[in-house]
């Protein structure tokens, strides 16, 4: 029963965060106005701005993933050496 409660609480908190949302602007008003104006005039600066945002968003995840992979690989090597 205790294990069930320890799993249920994080699930409820995650559901609460998903259900309670607020509107958030990903860009400052000046950047948004500039990008919209550029796209309306046939430019591609808005697409580049969005690609830059995605790039900056992906970088921390890639770094954490690389560190986790290196940790996992090192842990696996230690386990193999201990078996020998």
PDB file of N, CA and C in Angstrom:
ATOM      1  N   UNK A   1       0.821  -1.197   0.000  1.00  0.00           N
ATOM      2  CA  UNK A   1       0.000   0.000   0.000  1.00  0.00           C
ATOM      3  C   UNK A   1       0.866   1.264   0.000  1.00  0.00           C
ATOM      4  N   UNK A   2       1.967   1.218   0.751  1.00  0.00           N
ATOM      5  CA  UNK A   2       2.862   2.377   0.801  1.00  0.00           C
ATOM      6  C   UNK A   2       3.490   2.648  -0.564  1.00  0.00           C
ATOM      7  N   UNK A   3       3.820   1.580  -1.292  1.00  0.00           N
ATOM      8  CA  UNK A   3       4.403   1.735  -2.627  1.00  0.00           C
ATOM      9  C   UNK A   3       3.392   2.386  -3.572  1.00  0.00           C
ATOM     10  N   UNK A   4       2.136   2.023  -3.436  1.00  0.00           N
ATOM     11  CA  UNK A   4       1.078   2.601  -4.266  1.00  0.00           C
ATOM     12  C   UNK A   4       0.971   4.101  -4.019  1.00  0.00           C
ATOM     13  N   UNK A   5       1.042   4.516  -2.748  1.00  0.00           N
ATOM     14  CA  UNK A   5       0.958   5.937  -2.411  1.00  0.00           C
ATOM     15  C   UNK A   5       2.160   6.705  -2.941  1.00  0.00           C
ATOM     16  N   UNK A   6       3.340   6.089  -2.899  1.00  0.00           N
ATOM     17  CA  UNK A   6       4.533   6.784  -3.371  1.00  0.00           C
ATOM     18  C   UNK A   6       4.524   6.962  -4.887  1.00  0.00           C
ATOM     19  N   UNK A   7       3.792   6.133  -5.605  1.00  0.00           N
ATOM     20  CA  UNK A   7       3.654   6.278  -7.057  1.00  0.00           C
ATOM     21  C   UNK A   7       2.507   7.217  -7.401  1.00  0.00           C
ATOM     22  N   UNK A   8       1.455   7.169  -6.604  1.00  0.00           N
ATOM     23  CA  UNK A   8       0.255   7.956  -6.888  1.00  0.00           C
ATOM     24  C   UNK A   8       0.498   9.459  -6.740  1.00  0.00           C
ATOM     25  N   UNK A   9       1.246   9.860  -5.729  1.00  0.00           N
ATOM     26  CA  UNK A   9       1.465  11.285  -5.489  1.00  0.00           C
ATOM     27  C   UNK A   9       2.174  11.980  -6.660  1.00  0.00           C
ATOM     28  N   UNK A  10       3.288  11.451  -7.186  1.00  0.00           N
ATOM     29  CA  UNK A  10       3.912  12.121  -8.342  1.00  0.00           C
ATOM     30  C   UNK A  10       2.998  12.165  -9.573  1.00  0.00           C
ATOM     31  N   UNK A  11       2.221  11.114  -9.779  1.00  0.00           N
ATOM     32  CA  UNK A  11       1.305  11.102 -10.923  1.00  0.00           C
ATOM     33  C   UNK A  11       0.252  12.187 -10.759  1.00  0.00           C
ATOM     34  N   UNK A  12      -0.273  12.353  -9.565  1.00  0.00           N
ATOM     35  CA  UNK A  12      -1.265  13.406  -9.329  1.00  0.00           C
ATOM     36  C   UNK A  12      -0.665  14.796  -9.506  1.00  0.00           C
ATOM     37  N   UNK A  13       0.558  14.995  -9.059  1.00  0.00           N
ATOM     38  CA  UNK A  13       1.216  16.294  -9.211  1.00  0.00           C
ATOM     39  C   UNK A  13       1.448  16.602 -10.692  1.00  0.00           C
ATOM     40  N   UNK A  14       1.892  15.619 -11.454  1.00  0.00           N
ATOM     41  CA  UNK A  14       2.100  15.819 -12.891  1.00  0.00           C
ATOM     42  C   UNK A  14       0.787  16.149 -13.585  1.00  0.00           C
ATOM     43  N   UNK A  15      -0.267  15.419 -13.247  1.00  0.00           N
ATOM     44  CA  UNK A  15      -1.589  15.708 -13.837  1.00  0.00           C
ATOM     45  C   UNK A  15      -2.049  17.108 -13.476  1.00  0.00           C
ATOM     46  N   UNK A  16      -1.801  17.524 -12.250  1.00  0.00           N
ATOM     47  CA  UNK A  16      -2.176  18.872 -11.820  1.00  0.00           C
ATOM     48  C   UNK A  16      -1.449  19.923 -12.646  1.00  0.00           C
ATOM     49  N   UNK A  17      -0.135  19.734 -12.858  1.00  0.00           N
ATOM     50  CA  UNK A  17       0.629  20.678 -13.664  1.00  0.00           C
ATOM     51  C   UNK A  17       0.161  20.705 -15.109  1.00  0.00           C
ATOM     52  N   UNK A  18      -0.268  19.575 -15.634  1.00  0.00           N
ATOM     53  CA  UNK A  18      -0.752  19.521 -17.011  1.00  0.00           C
ATOM     54  C   UNK A  18      -2.095  20.235 -17.143  1.00  0.00           C
ATOM     55  N   UNK A  19      -2.954  20.062 -16.160  1.00  0.00           N
ATOM     56  CA  UNK A  19      -4.294  20.645 -16.235  1.00  0.00           C
ATOM     57  C   UNK A  19      -4.304  22.148 -15.954  1.00  0.00           C
ATOM     58  N   UNK A  20      -3.389  22.625 -15.131  1.00  0.00           N
ATOM     59  CA  UNK A  20      -3.334  24.043 -14.797  1.00  0.00           C
ATOM     60  C   UNK A  20      -2.248  24.673 -15.664  1.00  0.00           C
ATOM     61  N   UNK A  21      -2.657  25.328 -16.712  1.00  0.00           N
ATOM     62  CA  UNK A  21      -1.700  25.948 -17.620  1.00  0.00           C
ATOM     63  C   UNK A  21      -1.944  27.447 -17.682  1.00  0.00           C
ATOM     64  N   UNK A  22      -0.901  28.153 -18.060  1.00  0.00           N
ATOM     65  CA  UNK A  22      -1.016  29.590 -18.278  1.00  0.00           C
ATOM     66  C   UNK A  22      -0.434  29.888 -19.659  1.00  0.00           C
ATOM     67  N   UNK A  23      -0.878  30.971 -20.243  1.00  0.00           N
ATOM     68  CA  UNK A  23      -0.320  31.382 -21.515  1.00  0.00           C
ATOM     69  C   UNK A  23       1.055  31.976 -21.282  1.00  0.00           C
ATOM     70  N   UNK A  24       1.987  31.559 -22.093  1.00  0.00           N
ATOM     71  CA  UNK A  24       3.353  32.065 -21.961  1.00  0.00           C
ATOM     72  C   UNK A  24       3.853  32.471 -23.341  1.00  0.00           C
ATOM     73  N   UNK A  25       4.558  33.564 -23.386  1.00  0.00           N
ATOM     74  CA  UNK A  25       5.156  34.018 -24.636  1.00  0.00           C
ATOM     75  C   UNK A  25       6.570  33.475 -24.715  1.00  0.00           C
ATOM     76  N   UNK A  26       6.891  32.857 -25.833  1.00  0.00           N
ATOM     77  CA  UNK A  26       8.228  32.295 -25.998  1.00  0.00           C
ATOM     78  C   UNK A  26       9.215  33.361 -26.452  1.00  0.00           C
ATOM     79  N   UNK A  27       8.705  34.470 -26.917  1.00  0.00           N
ATOM     80  CA  UNK A  27       9.573  35.526 -27.419  1.00  0.00           C
ATOM     81  C   UNK A  27       9.179  36.830 -26.755  1.00  0.00           C
ATOM     82  N   UNK A  28      10.134  37.742 -26.681  1.00  0.00           N
ATOM     83  CA  UNK A  28       9.788  39.058 -26.169  1.00  0.00           C
ATOM     84  C   UNK A  28       8.893  39.752 -27.202  1.00  0.00           C
ATOM     85  N   UNK A  29       8.120  40.739 -26.794  1.00  0.00           N
ATOM     86  CA  UNK A  29       7.213  41.406 -27.741  1.00  0.00           C
ATOM     87  C   UNK A  29       7.912  42.008 -28.958  1.00  0.00           C
ATOM     88  N   UNK A  30       9.099  42.566 -28.761  1.00  0.00           N
ATOM     89  CA  UNK A  30       9.811  43.169 -29.894  1.00  0.00           C
ATOM     90  C   UNK A  30      10.264  42.095 -30.887  1.00  0.00           C
ATOM     91  N   UNK A  31      10.767  40.976 -30.372  1.00  0.00           N
ATOM     92  CA  UNK A  31      11.198  39.890 -31.266  1.00  0.00           C
ATOM     93  C   UNK A  31      10.006  39.316 -32.017  1.00  0.00           C
ATOM     94  N   UNK A  32       8.890  39.143 -31.312  1.00  0.00           N
ATOM     95  CA  UNK A  32       7.699  38.596 -31.941  1.00  0.00           C
ATOM     96  C   UNK A  32       7.198  39.538 -33.041  1.00  0.00           C
ATOM     97  N   UNK A  33       7.147  40.827 -32.757  1.00  0.00           N
ATOM     98  CA  UNK A  33       6.685  41.794 -33.745  1.00  0.00           C
ATOM     99  C   UNK A  33       7.617  41.817 -34.958  1.00  0.00           C
ATOM    100  N   UNK A  34       8.908  41.777 -34.713  1.00  0.00           N
ATOM    101  CA  UNK A  34       9.881  41.779 -35.798  1.00  0.00           C
ATOM    102  C   UNK A  34       9.762  40.527 -36.664  1.00  0.00           C
ATOM    103  N   UNK A  35       9.614  39.369 -36.037  1.00  0.00           N
ATOM    104  CA  UNK A  35       9.496  38.120 -36.783  1.00  0.00           C
ATOM    105  C   UNK A  35       8.198  38.077 -37.594  1.00  0.00           C
ATOM    106  N   UNK A  36       7.090  38.508 -36.987  1.00  0.00           N
ATOM    107  CA  UNK A  36       5.809  38.522 -37.709  1.00  0.00           C
ATOM    108  C   UNK A  36       5.851  39.488 -38.881  1.00  0.00           C
ATOM    109  N   UNK A  37       6.452  40.641 -38.670  1.00  0.00           N
ATOM    110  CA  UNK A  37       6.570  41.641 -39.739  1.00  0.00           C
ATOM    111  C   UNK A  37       7.423  41.101 -40.880  1.00  0.00           C
ATOM    112  N   UNK A  38       8.522  40.441 -40.543  1.00  0.00           N
ATOM    113  CA  UNK A  38       9.417  39.890 -41.550  1.00  0.00           C
ATOM    114  C   UNK A  38       8.723  38.790 -42.344  1.00  0.00           C
ATOM    115  N   UNK A  39       8.002  37.908 -41.661  1.00  0.00           N
ATOM    116  CA  UNK A  39       7.292  36.826 -42.355  1.00  0.00           C
ATOM    117  C   UNK A  39       6.176  37.370 -43.246  1.00  0.00           C
ATOM    118  N   UNK A  40       5.498  38.430 -42.786  1.00  0.00           N
ATOM    119  CA  UNK A  40       4.424  39.026 -43.586  1.00  0.00           C
ATOM    120  C   UNK A  40       4.966  39.652 -44.863  1.00  0.00           C
ATOM    121  N   UNK A  41       6.206  40.117 -44.833  1.00  0.00           N
ATOM    122  CA  UNK A  41       6.823  40.727 -46.005  1.00  0.00           C
ATOM    123  C   UNK A  41       7.586  39.722 -46.857  1.00  0.00           C
ATOM    124  N   UNK A  42       7.442  38.440 -46.555  1.00  0.00           N
ATOM    125  CA  UNK A  42       8.072  37.401 -47.363  1.00  0.00           C
ATOM    126  C   UNK A  42       9.461  37.003 -46.924  1.00  0.00           C
ATOM    127  N   UNK A  43       9.923  37.490 -45.786  1.00  0.00           N
ATOM    128  CA  UNK A  43      11.267  37.156 -45.292  1.00  0.00           C
ATOM    129  C   UNK A  43      11.285  35.809 -44.578  1.00  0.00           C
ATOM    130  N   UNK A  44      12.476  35.377 -44.207  1.00  0.00           N
ATOM    131  CA  UNK A  44      12.627  34.090 -43.525  1.00  0.00           C
ATOM    132  C   UNK A  44      13.278  34.241 -42.149  1.00  0.00           C
ATOM    133  N   UNK A  45      13.390  35.457 -41.636  1.00  0.00           N
ATOM    134  CA  UNK A  45      14.032  35.665 -40.333  1.00  0.00           C
ATOM    135  C   UNK A  45      13.250  34.988 -39.213  1.00  0.00           C
ATOM    136  N   UNK A  46      11.936  34.941 -39.313  1.00  0.00           N
ATOM    137  CA  UNK A  46      11.117  34.289 -38.286  1.00  0.00           C
ATOM    138  C   UNK A  46      11.397  32.803 -38.198  1.00  0.00           C
ATOM    139  N   UNK A  47      11.617  32.167 -39.357  1.00  0.00           N
ATOM    140  CA  UNK A  47      11.935  30.741 -39.353  1.00  0.00           C
ATOM    141  C   UNK A  47      13.290  30.497 -38.710  1.00  0.00           C
ATOM    142  N   UNK A  48      14.249  31.385 -38.977  1.00  0.00           N
ATOM    143  CA  UNK A  48      15.565  31.266 -38.361  1.00  0.00           C
ATOM    144  C   UNK A  48      15.500  31.477 -36.856  1.00  0.00           C
ATOM    145  N   UNK A  49      14.662  32.402 -36.426  1.00  0.00           N
ATOM    146  CA  UNK A  49      14.491  32.657 -34.998  1.00  0.00           C
ATOM    147  C   UNK A  49      13.915  31.428 -34.311  1.00  0.00           C
ATOM    148  N   UNK A  50      12.915  30.810 -34.928  1.00  0.00           N
ATOM    149  CA  UNK A  50      12.319  29.602 -34.356  1.00  0.00           C
ATOM    150  C   UNK A  50      13.322  28.447 -34.346  1.00  0.00           C
ATOM    151  N   UNK A  51      14.143  28.325 -35.382  1.00  0.00           N
ATOM    152  CA  UNK A  51      15.165  27.276 -35.404  1.00  0.00           C
ATOM    153  C   UNK A  51      16.185  27.510 -34.297  1.00  0.00           C
ATOM    154  N   UNK A  52      16.534  28.764 -34.041  1.00  0.00           N
ATOM    155  CA  UNK A  52      17.453  29.086 -32.956  1.00  0.00           C
ATOM    156  C   UNK A  52      16.890  28.733 -31.593  1.00  0.00           C
ATOM    157  N   UNK A  53      15.602  28.960 -31.412  1.00  0.00           N
ATOM    158  CA  UNK A  53      14.947  28.612 -30.145  1.00  0.00           C
ATOM    159  C   UNK A  53      14.976  27.097 -29.946  1.00  0.00           C
ATOM    160  N   UNK A  54      14.691  26.334 -30.993  1.00  0.00           N
ATOM    161  CA  UNK A  54      14.728  24.874 -30.898  1.00  0.00           C
ATOM    162  C   UNK A  54      16.145  24.399 -30.597  1.00  0.00           C
ATOM    163  N   UNK A  55      17.135  25.008 -31.213  1.00  0.00           N
ATOM    164  CA  UNK A  55      18.538  24.657 -30.972  1.00  0.00           C
ATOM    165  C   UNK A  55      18.908  24.886 -29.508  1.00  0.00           C
ATOM    166  N   UNK A  56      18.533  26.044 -28.982  1.00  0.00           N
ATOM    167  CA  UNK A  56      18.836  26.337 -27.587  1.00  0.00           C
ATOM    168  C   UNK A  56      18.074  25.430 -26.633  1.00  0.00           C
ATOM    169  N   UNK A  57      16.888  24.997 -27.024  1.00  0.00           N
ATOM    170  CA  UNK A  57      16.097  24.089 -26.200  1.00  0.00           C
ATOM    171  C   UNK A  57      16.701  22.690 -26.178  1.00  0.00           C
ATOM    172  N   UNK A  58      17.248  22.243 -27.292  1.00  0.00           N
ATOM    173  CA  UNK A  58      17.767  20.877 -27.398  1.00  0.00           C
ATOM    174  C   UNK A  58      19.131  20.709 -26.736  1.00  0.00           C
ATOM    175  N   UNK A  59      19.920  21.756 -26.663  1.00  0.00           N
ATOM    176  CA  UNK A  59      21.287  21.649 -26.158  1.00  0.00           C
ATOM    177  C   UNK A  59      21.370  21.084 -24.735  1.00  0.00           C
ATOM    178  N   UNK A  60      20.607  21.574 -23.763  1.00  0.00           N
ATOM    179  CA  UNK A  60      20.720  20.999 -22.418  1.00  0.00           C
ATOM    180  C   UNK A  60      20.323  19.522 -22.369  1.00  0.00           C
ATOM    181  N   UNK A  61      19.321  19.137 -23.147  1.00  0.00           N
ATOM    182  CA  UNK A  61      18.904  17.735 -23.158  1.00  0.00           C
ATOM    183  C   UNK A  61      19.997  16.846 -23.742  1.00  0.00           C
ATOM    184  N   UNK A  62      20.670  17.317 -24.774  1.00  0.00           N
ATOM    185  CA  UNK A  62      21.764  16.538 -25.349  1.00  0.00           C
ATOM    186  C   UNK A  62      22.927  16.406 -24.369  1.00  0.00           C
ATOM    187  N   UNK A  63      23.245  17.468 -23.661  1.00  0.00           N
ATOM    188  CA  UNK A  63      24.324  17.410 -22.677  1.00  0.00           C
ATOM    189  C   UNK A  63      23.994  16.444 -21.542  1.00  0.00           C
ATOM    190  N   UNK A  64      22.796  16.529 -21.013  1.00  0.00           N
ATOM    191  CA  UNK A  64      22.390  15.622 -19.937  1.00  0.00           C
ATOM    192  C   UNK A  64      22.359  14.188 -20.446  1.00  0.00           C
ATOM    193  N   UNK A  65      21.879  13.981 -21.669  1.00  0.00           N
ATOM    194  CA  UNK A  65      21.859  12.638 -22.247  1.00  0.00           C
ATOM    195  C   UNK A  65      23.254  12.068 -22.427  1.00  0.00           C
ATOM    196  N   UNK A  66      24.201  12.904 -22.849  1.00  0.00           N
ATOM    197  CA  UNK A  66      25.579  12.441 -23.028  1.00  0.00           C
ATOM    198  C   UNK A  66      26.204  12.071 -21.688  1.00  0.00           C
ATOM    199  N   UNK A  67      25.982  12.886 -20.661  1.00  0.00           N
ATOM    200  CA  UNK A  67      26.512  12.575 -19.331  1.00  0.00           C
ATOM    201  C   UNK A  67      25.884  11.293 -18.798  1.00  0.00           C
ATOM    202  N   UNK A  68      24.581  11.121 -18.984  1.00  0.00           N
ATOM    203  CA  UNK A  68      23.903   9.902 -18.521  1.00  0.00           C
ATOM    204  C   UNK A  68      24.434   8.677 -19.252  1.00  0.00           C
ATOM    205  N   UNK A  69      24.674   8.803 -20.549  1.00  0.00           N
ATOM    206  CA  UNK A  69      25.209   7.676 -21.310  1.00  0.00           C
ATOM    207  C   UNK A  69      26.605   7.302 -20.830  1.00  0.00           C
ATOM    208  N   UNK A  70      27.468   8.305 -20.624  1.00  0.00           N
ATOM    209  CA  UNK A  70      28.817   8.033 -20.144  1.00  0.00           C
ATOM    210  C   UNK A  70      28.793   7.398 -18.755  1.00  0.00           C
ATOM    211  N   UNK A  71      27.911   7.881 -17.890  1.00  0.00           N
ATOM    212  CA  UNK A  71      27.768   7.290 -16.551  1.00  0.00           C
ATOM    213  C   UNK A  71      27.325   5.839 -16.649  1.00  0.00           C
ATOM    214  N   UNK A  72      26.331   5.572 -17.489  1.00  0.00           N
ATOM    215  CA  UNK A  72      25.810   4.211 -17.659  1.00  0.00           C
ATOM    216  C   UNK A  72      26.892   3.278 -18.203  1.00  0.00           C
ATOM    217  N   UNK A  73      27.640   3.764 -19.204  1.00  0.00           N
ATOM    218  CA  UNK A  73      28.686   2.945 -19.804  1.00  0.00           C
ATOM    219  C   UNK A  73      29.786   2.639 -18.788  1.00  0.00           C
ATOM    220  N   UNK A  74      30.164   3.623 -17.988  1.00  0.00           N
ATOM    221  CA  UNK A  74      31.190   3.426 -16.967  1.00  0.00           C
ATOM    222  C   UNK A  74      30.697   2.454 -15.892  1.00  0.00           C
ATOM    223  N   UNK A  75      29.441   2.590 -15.505  1.00  0.00           N
ATOM    224  CA  UNK A  75      28.871   1.691 -14.499  1.00  0.00           C
ATOM    225  C   UNK A  75      28.855   0.252 -15.009  1.00  0.00           C
ATOM    226  N   UNK A  76      28.531   0.091 -16.277  1.00  0.00           N
ATOM    227  CA  UNK A  76      28.492  -1.240 -16.875  1.00  0.00           C
ATOM    228  C   UNK A  76      29.896  -1.858 -16.911  1.00  0.00           C
ATOM    229  N   UNK A  77      30.923  -1.057 -17.222  1.00  0.00           N
ATOM    230  CA  UNK A  77      32.301  -1.558 -17.234  1.00  0.00           C
ATOM    231  C   UNK A  77      32.731  -1.996 -15.843  1.00  0.00           C
ATOM    232  N   UNK A  78      32.353  -1.229 -14.822  1.00  0.00           N
ATOM    233  CA  UNK A  78      32.718  -1.574 -13.449  1.00  0.00           C
ATOM    234  C   UNK A  78      32.057  -2.887 -13.047  1.00  0.00           C
ATOM    235  N   UNK A  79      30.782  -3.077 -13.432  1.00  0.00           N
ATOM    236  CA  UNK A  79      30.073  -4.318 -13.115  1.00  0.00           C
ATOM    237  C   UNK A  79      30.731  -5.514 -13.798  1.00  0.00           C
ATOM    238  N   UNK A  80      31.158  -5.354 -15.041  1.00  0.00           N
ATOM    239  CA  UNK A  80      31.829  -6.443 -15.767  1.00  0.00           C
ATOM    240  C   UNK A  80      33.166  -6.781 -15.111  1.00  0.00           C
ATOM    241  N   UNK A  81      33.917  -5.748 -14.687  1.00  0.00           N
ATOM    242  CA  UNK A  81      35.205  -5.980 -14.027  1.00  0.00           C
ATOM    243  C   UNK A  81      35.033  -6.662 -12.673  1.00  0.00           C
ATOM    244  N   UNK A  82      33.949  -6.372 -11.976  1.00  0.00           N
ATOM    245  CA  UNK A  82      33.707  -7.001 -10.677  1.00  0.00           C
ATOM    246  C   UNK A  82      33.334  -8.473 -10.824  1.00  0.00           C
ATOM    247  N   UNK A  83      32.711  -8.842 -11.943  1.00  0.00           N
ATOM    248  CA  UNK A  83      32.325 -10.232 -12.193  1.00  0.00           C
ATOM    249  C   UNK A  83      33.541 -11.087 -12.468  1.00  0.00           C
ATOM    250  N   UNK A  84      34.609 -10.518 -13.045  1.00  0.00           N
ATOM    251  CA  UNK A  84      35.809 -11.288 -13.398  1.00  0.00           C
ATOM    252  C   UNK A  84      36.616 -11.689 -12.228  1.00  0.00           C
TER     253      UNK A  84
END
